[in-house]
Amino acid sequence: MSERMSAPRVKARAGEDAVVLDDDATLHAMGYPRKLTRRFKAFDNFAISFTIINILSGIFSSFGFGMNAGGPRILVFGWIGVSIMVLLIGAAMGEVASAYPTSGALYFSAGKLAKRHKGAWSWYTGWLNFVGQIGGTAATGYAAATFIQAFVQLQWPSYQPTVHQTVLITALIIVLQGLANTYTVQLVAVLNRISVWWLLIGLVVIVGALIVIPDHHQSASFVTHFENNTGFTSGLYGGMLGLLVTSWTFTGFDGSFHMSEETVQATVNAPKGITRAIGYSAITGLILMLALVYSIKDYAKEAANGAPPVQILIDGLGLTTAKVMLLIVIGAMLFCGLANLTSNTRQIFAFSRDGAMPGSRLWHSVSPRTRTPVKAVWLAVACSLALIVPGWWSHTAFTAIVSVNVVGLFLAYAVPIFLRLRLGDAFESGPWNLGRWSKPVGWLAVIWIALSSVLFMLPQASPITVDSFNYAPIALVVVLLVATVWWFATARRRFQGPISYGRPDEIAAMDLI
């Protein structure tokens, strides 16, 4: 990019040892002692966001929606366009991450970048981030449970999935992911490394099979085919809804930001982790999207199926091979949920460290044996389990709760980027920055988040019924209402934003060795 951006990168490479030693000094300067172990290298930091984005999980979960909302034209070209916009969001977030490499990430930087009302900006950003991540963990677990049951039904046709079974399997998945996060951060790092190779090798296997095995592929021009089965007469509106497929997939890349305090050379590796995860996901996701689109055999039949990508695999590869491919997808979903819970835990740890959660002293404690915030892990598990409980009675109720996942996360992404823009030249950038591109990239990111958030809250199917109604606006209003009442009732008197534990030299003495 600019000289302003590239020069610090050279400096970071040339003075690598100095940067490593400065990680804790940077944390001390921001007011915090070191409690977590720095065992995440550059690849590990990238791996957590790449795993949470998880193109196999995202595309297989939402491909059917896209088949009915725009079809191949929107699935492919919408993927390209939205990926570019998300990369801009990631670059703008990376610049903030380089300046404030803490587990608090979004809420911490919002509190530091705000000119006034620092506590309020930090409070709302933190709770949007928290609810979005809890919803993401619950939704990913639910998707995995759904696909597990699809596999079981293919293996044993007499099996009939029920809502109750889906909820129970989801709960089991989340608890097991909690157990994995209870142990050392080194285990989490290893699992995330495995997940990257699982995703990449799985992508090659699935795409290769879809290219080689089917005896029929669509013509090259099929990529421009347009479908609008949303029930709305406007093709433009239906196509715009199809853009949500890509937006649904590209969430959770703030995971690299949240892992800053456990990453070496975090001022450089955290922003690199964010942007690389988005960039590689965009490229590999496009390859998978094209493979699925050109393997469509019977559009009407597959689009009407409960899990269109699964039907595409069966029609093109045969039942046995399709089941193997489905196992790869299920594995990717499980890795996705694990990484999402890890990121969620670090946000809880940091938010509690600043006294912003009930029982804060409990949630920011760190196990002396594993050096991980074990109690925060199980709070995240408990909250995610609470979100899936309504699904026992109604899938619509569950959807209403987790629908705030994407909107909450992207609004939380927008706040520190907007505040950084409003701060202007007074912003003190880190070694990874966008230079003269900072403002145009930042404004494009904020504008896109605003537009896509509106799109997420519009009706997505017609006729509008109790089951098809989009409950995201209601869920978002409830979250903001609770946060507002809580803020004015008690929080504004005790929470003023990120706190400092003392002078850097005093804080250094508090480090857990």
Protein backbone atom coordinates (compact mmCIF):
# COMPACT_ATOMS: atom_id res chain seq x y z
CA MET A 1 0.00 0.00 0.00
CA SER A 2 1.50 3.32 0.98
CA GLU A 3 5.02 4.02 2.16
CA ARG A 4 3.56 4.84 5.54
CA MET A 5 2.22 1.31 5.78
CA SER A 6 5.10 -0.62 4.28
CA ALA A 7 7.89 1.07 6.23
CA PRO A 8 6.71 -0.16 9.65
CA ARG A 9 6.37 -3.65 8.19
CA VAL A 10 10.04 -3.63 7.20
CA LYS A 11 10.90 -2.33 10.61
CA ALA A 12 8.86 -5.09 12.24
CA ARG A 13 10.72 -7.76 10.26
CA ALA A 14 14.12 -6.21 10.81
CA GLY A 15 13.59 -5.78 14.55
CA GLU A 16 11.63 -8.95 15.17
CA ASP A 17 13.20 -9.73 18.55
CA ALA A 18 12.54 -6.22 19.79
CA VAL A 19 8.90 -6.46 18.75
CA VAL A 20 8.45 -9.73 20.62
CA LEU A 21 9.88 -8.17 23.76
CA ASP A 22 7.63 -5.16 23.32
CA ASP A 23 4.39 -7.18 23.33
CA ASP A 24 4.05 -7.01 27.10
CA ALA A 25 5.28 -3.41 27.20
CA THR A 26 2.50 -2.48 24.76
CA LEU A 27 -0.05 -4.21 26.98
CA HIS A 28 1.31 -2.48 30.09
CA ALA A 29 1.08 0.90 28.33
CA MET A 30 -2.61 0.21 27.72
CA GLY A 31 -3.11 -0.40 31.44
CA TYR A 32 -3.20 -4.20 31.76
CA PRO A 33 -0.92 -6.84 33.31
CA ARG A 34 -0.21 -10.02 31.36
CA LYS A 35 -2.40 -12.89 32.51
CA LEU A 36 -2.62 -14.98 29.35
CA THR A 37 0.16 -16.97 27.71
CA ARG A 38 1.53 -15.73 24.36
CA ARG A 39 1.66 -18.93 22.33
CA PHE A 40 -0.21 -17.86 19.22
CA LYS A 41 2.13 -17.30 16.30
CA ALA A 42 1.16 -15.48 13.10
CA PHE A 43 -0.34 -18.63 11.56
CA ASP A 44 -2.32 -19.41 14.74
CA ASN A 45 -3.80 -15.92 14.80
CA PHE A 46 -4.79 -16.20 11.14
CA ALA A 47 -6.16 -19.69 11.75
CA ILE A 48 -8.74 -18.64 14.32
CA SER A 49 -10.41 -16.08 12.02
CA PHE A 50 -10.10 -18.34 8.98
CA THR A 51 -11.76 -21.12 10.97
CA ILE A 52 -14.58 -18.89 12.26
CA ILE A 53 -15.31 -17.51 8.78
CA ASN A 54 -15.22 -21.14 7.60
CA ILE A 55 -16.30 -21.18 3.97
CA LEU A 56 -17.45 -24.82 4.09
CA SER A 57 -19.76 -24.14 7.01
CA GLY A 58 -20.99 -20.77 5.72
CA ILE A 59 -21.60 -21.71 2.09
CA PHE A 60 -23.20 -25.09 2.79
CA SER A 61 -25.49 -23.52 5.42
CA SER A 62 -26.72 -20.64 3.25
CA PHE A 63 -26.37 -21.87 -0.35
CA GLY A 64 -30.04 -22.88 -0.52
CA PHE A 65 -31.17 -19.39 0.44
CA GLY A 66 -29.02 -17.97 -2.35
CA MET A 67 -30.45 -20.40 -4.91
CA ASN A 68 -33.87 -18.85 -4.27
CA ALA A 69 -32.68 -15.25 -3.80
CA GLY A 70 -30.87 -14.38 -7.03
CA GLY A 71 -29.54 -17.78 -8.05
CA PRO A 72 -26.08 -18.32 -9.61
CA ARG A 73 -25.71 -14.70 -10.71
CA ILE A 74 -25.91 -13.41 -7.14
CA LEU A 75 -24.19 -16.42 -5.55
CA VAL A 76 -21.07 -15.89 -7.69
CA PHE A 77 -20.91 -12.18 -8.47
CA GLY A 78 -22.44 -11.24 -5.13
CA TRP A 79 -19.73 -13.29 -3.44
CA ILE A 80 -17.04 -11.34 -5.30
CA GLY A 81 -18.54 -7.91 -4.56
CA VAL A 82 -19.37 -8.50 -0.90
CA SER A 83 -15.98 -10.17 -0.29
CA ILE A 84 -14.26 -6.99 -1.44
CA MET A 85 -16.38 -4.88 0.92
CA VAL A 86 -15.68 -7.24 3.83
CA LEU A 87 -11.95 -7.05 3.07
CA LEU A 88 -12.21 -3.26 3.44
CA ILE A 89 -13.91 -3.76 6.81
CA GLY A 90 -11.14 -6.14 7.85
CA ALA A 91 -8.41 -3.72 6.76
CA ALA A 92 -10.01 -0.87 8.71
CA MET A 93 -10.40 -3.13 11.74
CA GLY A 94 -6.80 -4.32 11.35
CA GLU A 95 -5.56 -0.75 11.61
CA VAL A 96 -7.40 -0.37 14.92
CA ALA A 97 -6.14 -3.77 16.11
CA SER A 98 -2.56 -2.70 15.45
CA ALA A 99 -3.05 0.35 17.65
CA TYR A 100 -4.89 -1.48 20.47
CA PRO A 101 -3.88 -5.17 20.52
CA THR A 102 -5.98 -6.34 23.48
CA SER A 103 -8.49 -9.12 24.16
CA GLY A 104 -11.08 -6.37 24.63
CA ALA A 105 -10.65 -5.59 20.94
CA LEU A 106 -13.73 -3.72 19.70
CA TYR A 107 -15.16 -2.40 22.97
CA PHE A 108 -11.69 -1.42 24.27
CA SER A 109 -10.77 0.50 21.11
CA ALA A 110 -14.22 2.16 21.03
CA GLY A 111 -13.65 3.46 24.56
CA LYS A 112 -10.18 4.75 23.68
CA LEU A 113 -11.17 6.34 20.35
CA ALA A 114 -14.30 8.15 21.54
CA LYS A 115 -13.89 11.86 22.17
CA ARG A 116 -16.74 11.98 24.69
CA HIS A 117 -18.99 9.47 26.47
CA LYS A 118 -16.22 6.87 26.36
CA GLY A 119 -18.03 4.58 28.75
CA ALA A 120 -21.25 4.56 26.71
CA TRP A 121 -19.48 3.87 23.40
CA SER A 122 -17.51 1.07 25.01
CA TRP A 123 -20.57 -0.36 26.77
CA TYR A 124 -22.80 -0.64 23.70
CA THR A 125 -19.98 -1.96 21.50
CA GLY A 126 -19.08 -4.60 24.07
CA TRP A 127 -22.62 -5.86 24.48
CA LEU A 128 -23.30 -5.95 20.73
CA ASN A 129 -20.08 -7.93 20.33
CA PHE A 130 -20.95 -10.24 23.23
CA VAL A 131 -24.49 -11.00 22.02
CA GLY A 132 -23.30 -11.41 18.43
CA GLN A 133 -20.65 -13.92 19.43
CA ILE A 134 -22.97 -15.88 21.75
CA GLY A 135 -25.49 -16.05 18.91
CA GLY A 136 -22.74 -17.18 16.54
CA THR A 137 -21.69 -20.04 18.82
CA ALA A 138 -25.31 -21.18 19.21
CA ALA A 139 -26.10 -20.87 15.49
CA THR A 140 -22.96 -22.73 14.40
CA GLY A 141 -23.67 -25.56 16.83
CA TYR A 142 -27.26 -25.76 15.60
CA ALA A 143 -26.11 -25.89 11.96
CA ALA A 144 -23.66 -28.69 12.81
CA ALA A 145 -26.42 -30.60 14.60
CA THR A 146 -28.70 -30.20 11.58
CA PHE A 147 -26.07 -31.52 9.17
CA ILE A 148 -25.17 -34.38 11.53
CA GLN A 149 -28.79 -35.47 11.45
CA ALA A 150 -28.86 -35.13 7.66
CA PHE A 151 -25.90 -37.52 7.54
CA VAL A 152 -27.56 -39.95 9.96
CA GLN A 153 -30.72 -39.90 7.86
CA LEU A 154 -28.71 -40.71 4.72
CA GLN A 155 -27.02 -43.58 6.56
CA TRP A 156 -30.20 -44.85 8.22
CA PRO A 157 -33.27 -43.71 6.20
CA SER A 158 -35.65 -44.70 9.00
CA TYR A 159 -34.22 -41.97 11.25
CA GLN A 160 -36.48 -38.92 11.47
CA PRO A 161 -34.88 -35.75 12.91
CA THR A 162 -36.91 -33.76 15.41
CA VAL A 163 -36.48 -30.30 16.91
CA HIS A 164 -35.82 -31.85 20.32
CA GLN A 165 -33.03 -34.03 18.95
CA THR A 166 -31.45 -31.05 17.20
CA VAL A 167 -31.41 -29.05 20.44
CA LEU A 168 -29.89 -31.94 22.42
CA ILE A 169 -27.15 -32.54 19.83
CA THR A 170 -26.42 -28.81 19.71
CA ALA A 171 -26.06 -28.73 23.51
CA LEU A 172 -23.67 -31.70 23.44
CA ILE A 173 -21.55 -30.03 20.74
CA ILE A 174 -21.27 -26.76 22.68
CA VAL A 175 -20.33 -28.56 25.93
CA LEU A 176 -17.61 -30.56 24.16
CA GLN A 177 -16.26 -27.34 22.62
CA GLY A 178 -16.25 -25.84 26.10
CA LEU A 179 -14.17 -28.76 27.38
CA ALA A 180 -11.64 -28.28 24.57
CA ASN A 181 -11.35 -24.57 25.46
CA THR A 182 -10.85 -25.40 29.13
CA TYR A 183 -7.39 -26.77 28.55
CA THR A 184 -4.29 -24.84 27.49
CA VAL A 185 -4.26 -22.23 24.77
CA GLN A 186 -1.64 -24.42 23.11
CA LEU A 187 -4.32 -27.10 22.55
CA VAL A 188 -6.63 -24.49 21.03
CA ALA A 189 -3.82 -23.33 18.77
CA VAL A 190 -3.12 -26.91 17.63
CA LEU A 191 -6.81 -27.52 16.91
CA ASN A 192 -7.01 -24.30 14.92
CA ARG A 193 -3.97 -25.30 12.86
CA ILE A 194 -5.62 -28.64 12.14
CA SER A 195 -8.83 -26.82 11.21
CA VAL A 196 -7.06 -24.76 8.53
CA TRP A 197 -5.72 -27.88 6.84
CA TRP A 198 -9.07 -29.63 7.30
CA LEU A 199 -10.73 -26.72 5.48
CA LEU A 200 -8.16 -26.51 2.69
CA ILE A 201 -7.82 -30.25 2.08
CA GLY A 202 -11.59 -30.64 2.42
CA LEU A 203 -12.08 -27.90 -0.16
CA VAL A 204 -9.74 -29.62 -2.60
CA VAL A 205 -11.49 -32.96 -2.09
CA ILE A 206 -15.02 -31.57 -2.51
CA VAL A 207 -14.21 -29.30 -5.44
CA GLY A 208 -12.13 -32.03 -7.12
CA ALA A 209 -14.96 -34.52 -6.77
CA LEU A 210 -17.50 -32.04 -8.16
CA ILE A 211 -15.26 -31.40 -11.17
CA VAL A 212 -14.31 -35.00 -11.97
CA ILE A 213 -17.19 -37.28 -10.97
CA PRO A 214 -20.49 -35.78 -12.24
CA ASP A 215 -21.42 -36.78 -15.79
CA HIS A 216 -23.08 -33.41 -16.33
CA HIS A 217 -22.07 -29.80 -15.65
CA GLN A 218 -23.88 -26.58 -16.45
CA SER A 219 -22.68 -24.46 -19.38
CA ALA A 220 -20.36 -21.50 -18.78
CA SER A 221 -23.25 -19.04 -19.24
CA PHE A 222 -25.16 -20.63 -16.34
CA VAL A 223 -23.27 -18.36 -13.96
CA THR A 224 -25.49 -15.49 -15.17
CA HIS A 225 -28.73 -17.40 -14.49
CA PHE A 226 -31.08 -15.47 -12.18
CA GLU A 227 -33.77 -16.89 -9.92
CA ASN A 228 -36.18 -15.11 -7.61
CA ASN A 229 -38.21 -17.54 -5.53
CA THR A 230 -38.43 -15.29 -2.47
CA GLY A 231 -42.12 -14.54 -3.11
CA PHE A 232 -41.38 -10.86 -3.77
CA THR A 233 -42.13 -9.61 -7.27
CA SER A 234 -39.08 -7.33 -7.41
CA GLY A 235 -36.09 -9.16 -8.86
CA LEU A 236 -33.82 -6.39 -7.57
CA TYR A 237 -35.02 -6.91 -4.02
CA GLY A 238 -34.69 -10.68 -4.31
CA GLY A 239 -31.15 -10.32 -5.63
CA MET A 240 -30.21 -7.93 -2.84
CA LEU A 241 -31.38 -10.49 -0.31
CA GLY A 242 -29.05 -12.99 -1.98
CA LEU A 243 -26.08 -10.83 -0.99
CA LEU A 244 -26.71 -11.97 2.57
CA VAL A 245 -25.24 -15.40 1.72
CA THR A 246 -21.76 -13.90 1.61
CA SER A 247 -22.36 -11.63 4.60
CA TRP A 248 -23.54 -14.56 6.70
CA THR A 249 -20.33 -16.41 5.88
CA PHE A 250 -17.92 -13.55 6.61
CA THR A 251 -18.45 -13.09 10.34
CA GLY A 252 -16.17 -13.62 13.31
CA PHE A 253 -12.91 -12.32 11.87
CA ASP A 254 -12.60 -10.16 14.98
CA GLY A 255 -11.34 -13.42 16.52
CA SER A 256 -7.78 -12.45 15.53
CA PHE A 257 -8.26 -9.14 17.37
CA HIS A 258 -9.55 -10.88 20.53
CA MET A 259 -6.55 -13.21 20.58
CA SER A 260 -4.08 -10.29 20.57
CA GLU A 261 -2.92 -10.82 24.15
CA GLU A 262 -1.99 -14.41 23.31
CA THR A 263 -0.27 -13.58 20.00
CA VAL A 264 3.41 -12.77 19.56
CA GLN A 265 4.10 -9.52 17.66
CA ALA A 266 0.40 -8.77 18.02
CA THR A 267 0.60 -5.23 16.62
CA VAL A 268 1.48 -6.77 13.25
CA ASN A 269 0.22 -10.35 13.38
CA ALA A 270 -3.33 -9.56 14.56
CA PRO A 271 -4.16 -7.23 11.62
CA LYS A 272 -2.41 -9.62 9.24
CA GLY A 273 -4.50 -12.45 10.66
CA ILE A 274 -7.73 -10.51 10.02
CA THR A 275 -6.96 -9.48 6.43
CA ARG A 276 -5.38 -12.76 5.38
CA ALA A 277 -8.29 -14.77 6.77
CA ILE A 278 -10.75 -12.67 4.77
CA GLY A 279 -8.63 -12.71 1.60
CA TYR A 280 -7.98 -16.46 1.58
CA SER A 281 -11.61 -17.17 2.47
CA ALA A 282 -12.77 -14.98 -0.41
CA ILE A 283 -10.63 -16.87 -2.95
CA THR A 284 -11.30 -20.39 -1.69
CA GLY A 285 -14.97 -19.61 -1.16
CA LEU A 286 -15.35 -18.45 -4.76
CA ILE A 287 -13.83 -21.73 -5.97
CA LEU A 288 -16.28 -23.75 -3.85
CA MET A 289 -19.21 -21.57 -4.94
CA LEU A 290 -18.40 -22.09 -8.63
CA ALA A 291 -18.02 -25.84 -8.13
CA LEU A 292 -21.44 -26.10 -6.50
CA VAL A 293 -23.15 -23.80 -9.03
CA TYR A 294 -21.86 -25.69 -12.07
CA SER A 295 -22.77 -29.03 -10.46
CA ILE A 296 -26.46 -28.15 -10.14
CA LYS A 297 -28.38 -30.86 -11.99
CA ASP A 298 -32.09 -30.28 -11.31
CA TYR A 299 -32.47 -26.66 -10.15
CA ALA A 300 -36.10 -26.80 -9.02
CA LYS A 301 -35.68 -30.08 -7.14
CA GLU A 302 -32.43 -29.12 -5.43
CA ALA A 303 -33.55 -25.58 -4.54
CA ALA A 304 -36.68 -26.96 -2.86
CA ASN A 305 -34.68 -29.48 -0.82
CA GLY A 306 -34.19 -28.83 2.88
CA ALA A 307 -30.41 -28.89 2.37
CA PRO A 308 -29.75 -28.05 -1.32
CA PRO A 309 -25.94 -28.53 -1.25
CA VAL A 310 -26.41 -32.03 0.15
CA GLN A 311 -28.83 -32.87 -2.66
CA ILE A 312 -26.37 -31.45 -5.20
CA LEU A 313 -23.67 -33.76 -3.81
CA ILE A 314 -26.00 -36.77 -3.95
CA ASP A 315 -27.15 -36.02 -7.51
CA GLY A 316 -23.62 -35.41 -8.78
CA LEU A 317 -21.48 -37.80 -6.76
CA GLY A 318 -23.75 -40.60 -5.67
CA LEU A 319 -24.93 -41.38 -2.14
CA THR A 320 -21.75 -42.98 -0.76
CA THR A 321 -19.38 -40.24 -1.93
CA ALA A 322 -21.84 -37.55 -0.88
CA LYS A 323 -21.82 -38.92 2.68
CA VAL A 324 -18.03 -38.69 2.81
CA MET A 325 -18.20 -35.06 1.60
CA LEU A 326 -20.85 -34.33 4.20
CA LEU A 327 -18.56 -35.61 6.97
CA ILE A 328 -15.92 -33.11 5.82
CA VAL A 329 -18.48 -30.28 6.07
CA ILE A 330 -19.63 -31.40 9.52
CA GLY A 331 -16.01 -31.44 10.73
CA ALA A 332 -15.54 -27.89 9.43
CA MET A 333 -18.66 -26.75 11.32
CA LEU A 334 -17.39 -28.27 14.56
CA PHE A 335 -14.03 -26.51 14.17
CA CYS A 336 -15.88 -23.27 13.41
CA GLY A 337 -17.89 -23.46 16.62
CA LEU A 338 -14.76 -24.26 18.65
CA ALA A 339 -12.92 -21.19 17.34
CA ASN A 340 -16.00 -19.00 17.78
CA LEU A 341 -16.27 -20.03 21.43
CA THR A 342 -12.56 -19.27 21.96
CA SER A 343 -13.01 -15.74 20.62
CA ASN A 344 -16.19 -15.30 22.66
CA THR A 345 -14.36 -16.34 25.82
CA ARG A 346 -11.59 -13.77 25.35
CA GLN A 347 -14.15 -11.00 24.87
CA ILE A 348 -15.88 -12.02 28.11
CA PHE A 349 -12.52 -12.17 29.91
CA ALA A 350 -11.59 -8.65 28.81
CA PHE A 351 -15.05 -7.13 29.31
CA SER A 352 -15.10 -8.53 32.84
CA ARG A 353 -11.59 -7.26 33.51
CA ASP A 354 -13.00 -3.75 33.07
CA GLY A 355 -15.97 -4.47 35.34
CA ALA A 356 -18.65 -4.41 32.64
CA MET A 357 -20.32 -7.75 33.42
CA PRO A 358 -22.19 -9.08 36.45
CA GLY A 359 -19.74 -11.06 38.56
CA SER A 360 -16.82 -9.54 36.68
CA ARG A 361 -14.25 -10.61 39.27
CA LEU A 362 -15.18 -14.23 38.64
CA TRP A 363 -15.12 -14.15 34.82
CA HIS A 364 -11.72 -12.54 34.34
CA SER A 365 -9.90 -14.95 36.61
CA VAL A 366 -7.34 -17.21 34.94
CA SER A 367 -6.59 -20.82 35.85
CA PRO A 368 -3.05 -21.00 37.30
CA ARG A 369 -2.64 -24.48 35.77
CA THR A 370 -3.82 -23.89 32.19
CA ARG A 371 -3.39 -20.10 32.01
CA THR A 372 -6.80 -19.85 30.32
CA PRO A 373 -9.95 -18.00 31.51
CA VAL A 374 -11.78 -21.23 32.36
CA LYS A 375 -14.73 -19.59 34.13
CA ALA A 376 -15.28 -17.27 31.16
CA VAL A 377 -15.32 -20.36 28.93
CA TRP A 378 -18.19 -21.88 30.87
CA LEU A 379 -20.09 -18.60 31.05
CA ALA A 380 -19.92 -18.50 27.24
CA VAL A 381 -21.10 -22.12 27.11
CA ALA A 382 -23.98 -21.42 29.52
CA CYS A 383 -25.13 -18.35 27.56
CA SER A 384 -25.01 -20.24 24.26
CA LEU A 385 -27.01 -23.09 25.79
CA ALA A 386 -29.57 -20.57 27.05
CA LEU A 387 -30.02 -19.29 23.51
CA ILE A 388 -30.81 -22.71 22.09
CA VAL A 389 -33.42 -23.58 24.76
CA PRO A 390 -36.31 -21.80 22.94
CA GLY A 391 -35.57 -24.07 19.97
CA TRP A 392 -37.03 -26.93 22.04
CA TRP A 393 -40.48 -25.47 21.44
CA SER A 394 -40.06 -23.44 18.27
CA HIS A 395 -37.42 -23.14 15.56
CA THR A 396 -38.83 -19.68 14.84
CA ALA A 397 -38.12 -18.60 18.43
CA PHE A 398 -34.56 -19.87 18.15
CA THR A 399 -34.07 -18.06 14.84
CA ALA A 400 -35.39 -14.84 16.41
CA ILE A 401 -32.73 -15.00 19.12
CA VAL A 402 -29.68 -15.91 17.02
CA SER A 403 -30.69 -13.65 14.12
CA VAL A 404 -29.00 -10.77 15.91
CA ASN A 405 -25.68 -12.62 15.53
CA VAL A 406 -24.60 -11.05 12.24
CA VAL A 407 -26.18 -7.62 12.78
CA GLY A 408 -24.75 -7.35 16.29
CA LEU A 409 -21.26 -8.32 15.16
CA PHE A 410 -21.10 -5.99 12.17
CA LEU A 411 -22.47 -3.04 14.15
CA ALA A 412 -19.78 -3.73 16.76
CA TYR A 413 -17.23 -3.76 13.93
CA ALA A 414 -18.47 -0.39 12.66
CA VAL A 415 -18.23 1.54 15.93
CA PRO A 416 -14.42 1.65 16.45
CA ILE A 417 -13.87 2.19 12.70
CA PHE A 418 -16.29 5.15 12.74
CA LEU A 419 -14.74 6.60 15.91
CA ARG A 420 -11.27 6.27 14.42
CA LEU A 421 -12.45 8.21 11.35
CA ARG A 422 -14.06 10.87 13.51
CA LEU A 423 -10.83 11.23 15.47
CA GLY A 424 -8.99 12.09 12.24
CA ASP A 425 -5.29 12.86 12.40
CA ALA A 426 -5.33 12.63 16.19
CA PHE A 427 -5.46 8.84 15.84
CA GLU A 428 -2.10 7.27 16.76
CA SER A 429 -1.71 4.35 14.38
CA GLY A 430 0.20 1.18 15.12
CA PRO A 431 2.97 -0.32 12.96
CA TRP A 432 0.33 -1.86 10.63
CA ASN A 433 -1.70 0.94 9.09
CA LEU A 434 -3.34 1.98 5.84
CA GLY A 435 -1.57 5.30 5.45
CA ARG A 436 -3.35 7.64 3.05
CA TRP A 437 -5.91 4.92 2.27
CA SER A 438 -7.14 4.86 5.86
CA LYS A 439 -10.03 7.31 5.49
CA PRO A 440 -11.50 6.14 2.15
CA VAL A 441 -11.26 2.48 3.22
CA GLY A 442 -12.79 3.28 6.61
CA TRP A 443 -15.72 5.24 5.20
CA LEU A 444 -16.50 2.58 2.61
CA ALA A 445 -16.44 -0.01 5.40
CA VAL A 446 -18.84 1.97 7.61
CA ILE A 447 -21.22 2.72 4.73
CA TRP A 448 -21.33 -0.93 3.68
CA ILE A 449 -22.00 -2.08 7.25
CA ALA A 450 -24.89 0.40 7.51
CA LEU A 451 -26.41 -0.74 4.19
CA SER A 452 -25.97 -4.47 4.84
CA SER A 453 -27.37 -4.15 8.38
CA VAL A 454 -30.55 -2.64 6.94
CA LEU A 455 -30.70 -5.51 4.45
CA PHE A 456 -30.39 -8.05 7.26
CA MET A 457 -33.44 -6.57 8.97
CA LEU A 458 -35.77 -6.51 5.94
CA PRO A 459 -38.32 -9.27 5.21
CA GLN A 460 -36.62 -12.21 3.48
CA ALA A 461 -39.62 -14.19 2.26
CA SER A 462 -43.18 -13.52 1.09
CA PRO A 463 -45.90 -13.96 2.15
CA ILE A 464 -44.84 -12.76 5.57
CA THR A 465 -46.07 -15.15 8.26
CA VAL A 466 -45.13 -15.95 11.85
CA ASP A 467 -42.64 -18.53 10.58
CA SER A 468 -41.17 -16.45 7.72
CA PHE A 469 -41.02 -13.11 9.55
CA ASN A 470 -37.51 -11.68 9.99
CA TYR A 471 -37.10 -11.26 13.73
CA ALA A 472 -33.65 -9.65 13.55
CA PRO A 473 -34.99 -6.08 14.10
CA ILE A 474 -36.94 -7.18 17.17
CA ALA A 475 -33.98 -9.10 18.58
CA LEU A 476 -31.69 -6.11 18.00
CA VAL A 477 -34.15 -3.68 19.64
CA VAL A 478 -34.46 -5.98 22.66
CA VAL A 479 -30.66 -6.18 23.03
CA LEU A 480 -30.25 -2.40 22.74
CA LEU A 481 -33.20 -1.76 25.08
CA VAL A 482 -31.79 -4.04 27.78
CA ALA A 483 -28.33 -2.48 27.38
CA THR A 484 -29.82 1.03 27.59
CA VAL A 485 -31.94 0.35 30.69
CA TRP A 486 -28.99 -1.34 32.37
CA TRP A 487 -26.70 1.56 31.42
CA PHE A 488 -28.91 4.28 32.89
CA ALA A 489 -29.94 2.21 35.91
CA THR A 490 -26.49 1.29 37.24
CA ALA A 491 -23.73 0.81 34.69
CA ARG A 492 -23.00 4.47 33.87
CA ARG A 493 -22.02 5.08 37.49
CA ARG A 494 -19.57 2.18 37.75
CA PHE A 495 -18.32 1.67 34.18
CA GLN A 496 -16.36 4.46 32.52
CA GLY A 497 -14.81 2.39 29.76
CA PRO A 498 -11.50 0.50 29.76
CA ILE A 499 -9.64 0.94 33.03
CA SER A 500 -5.94 1.11 33.82
CA TYR A 501 -4.41 -0.97 36.58
CA GLY A 502 -1.63 1.56 37.19
CA ARG A 503 1.61 2.85 35.71
CA PRO A 504 3.45 0.52 33.28
CA ASP A 505 6.11 -0.30 35.87
CA GLU A 506 3.45 -1.08 38.49
CA ILE A 507 1.52 -3.22 36.02
CA ALA A 508 4.63 -5.16 34.99
CA ALA A 509 4.95 -6.32 38.60
CA MET A 510 1.42 -7.78 38.39
CA ASP A 511 2.21 -10.07 35.45
CA LEU A 512 1.49 -13.74 35.99
CA ILE A 513 4.75 -15.57 35.31
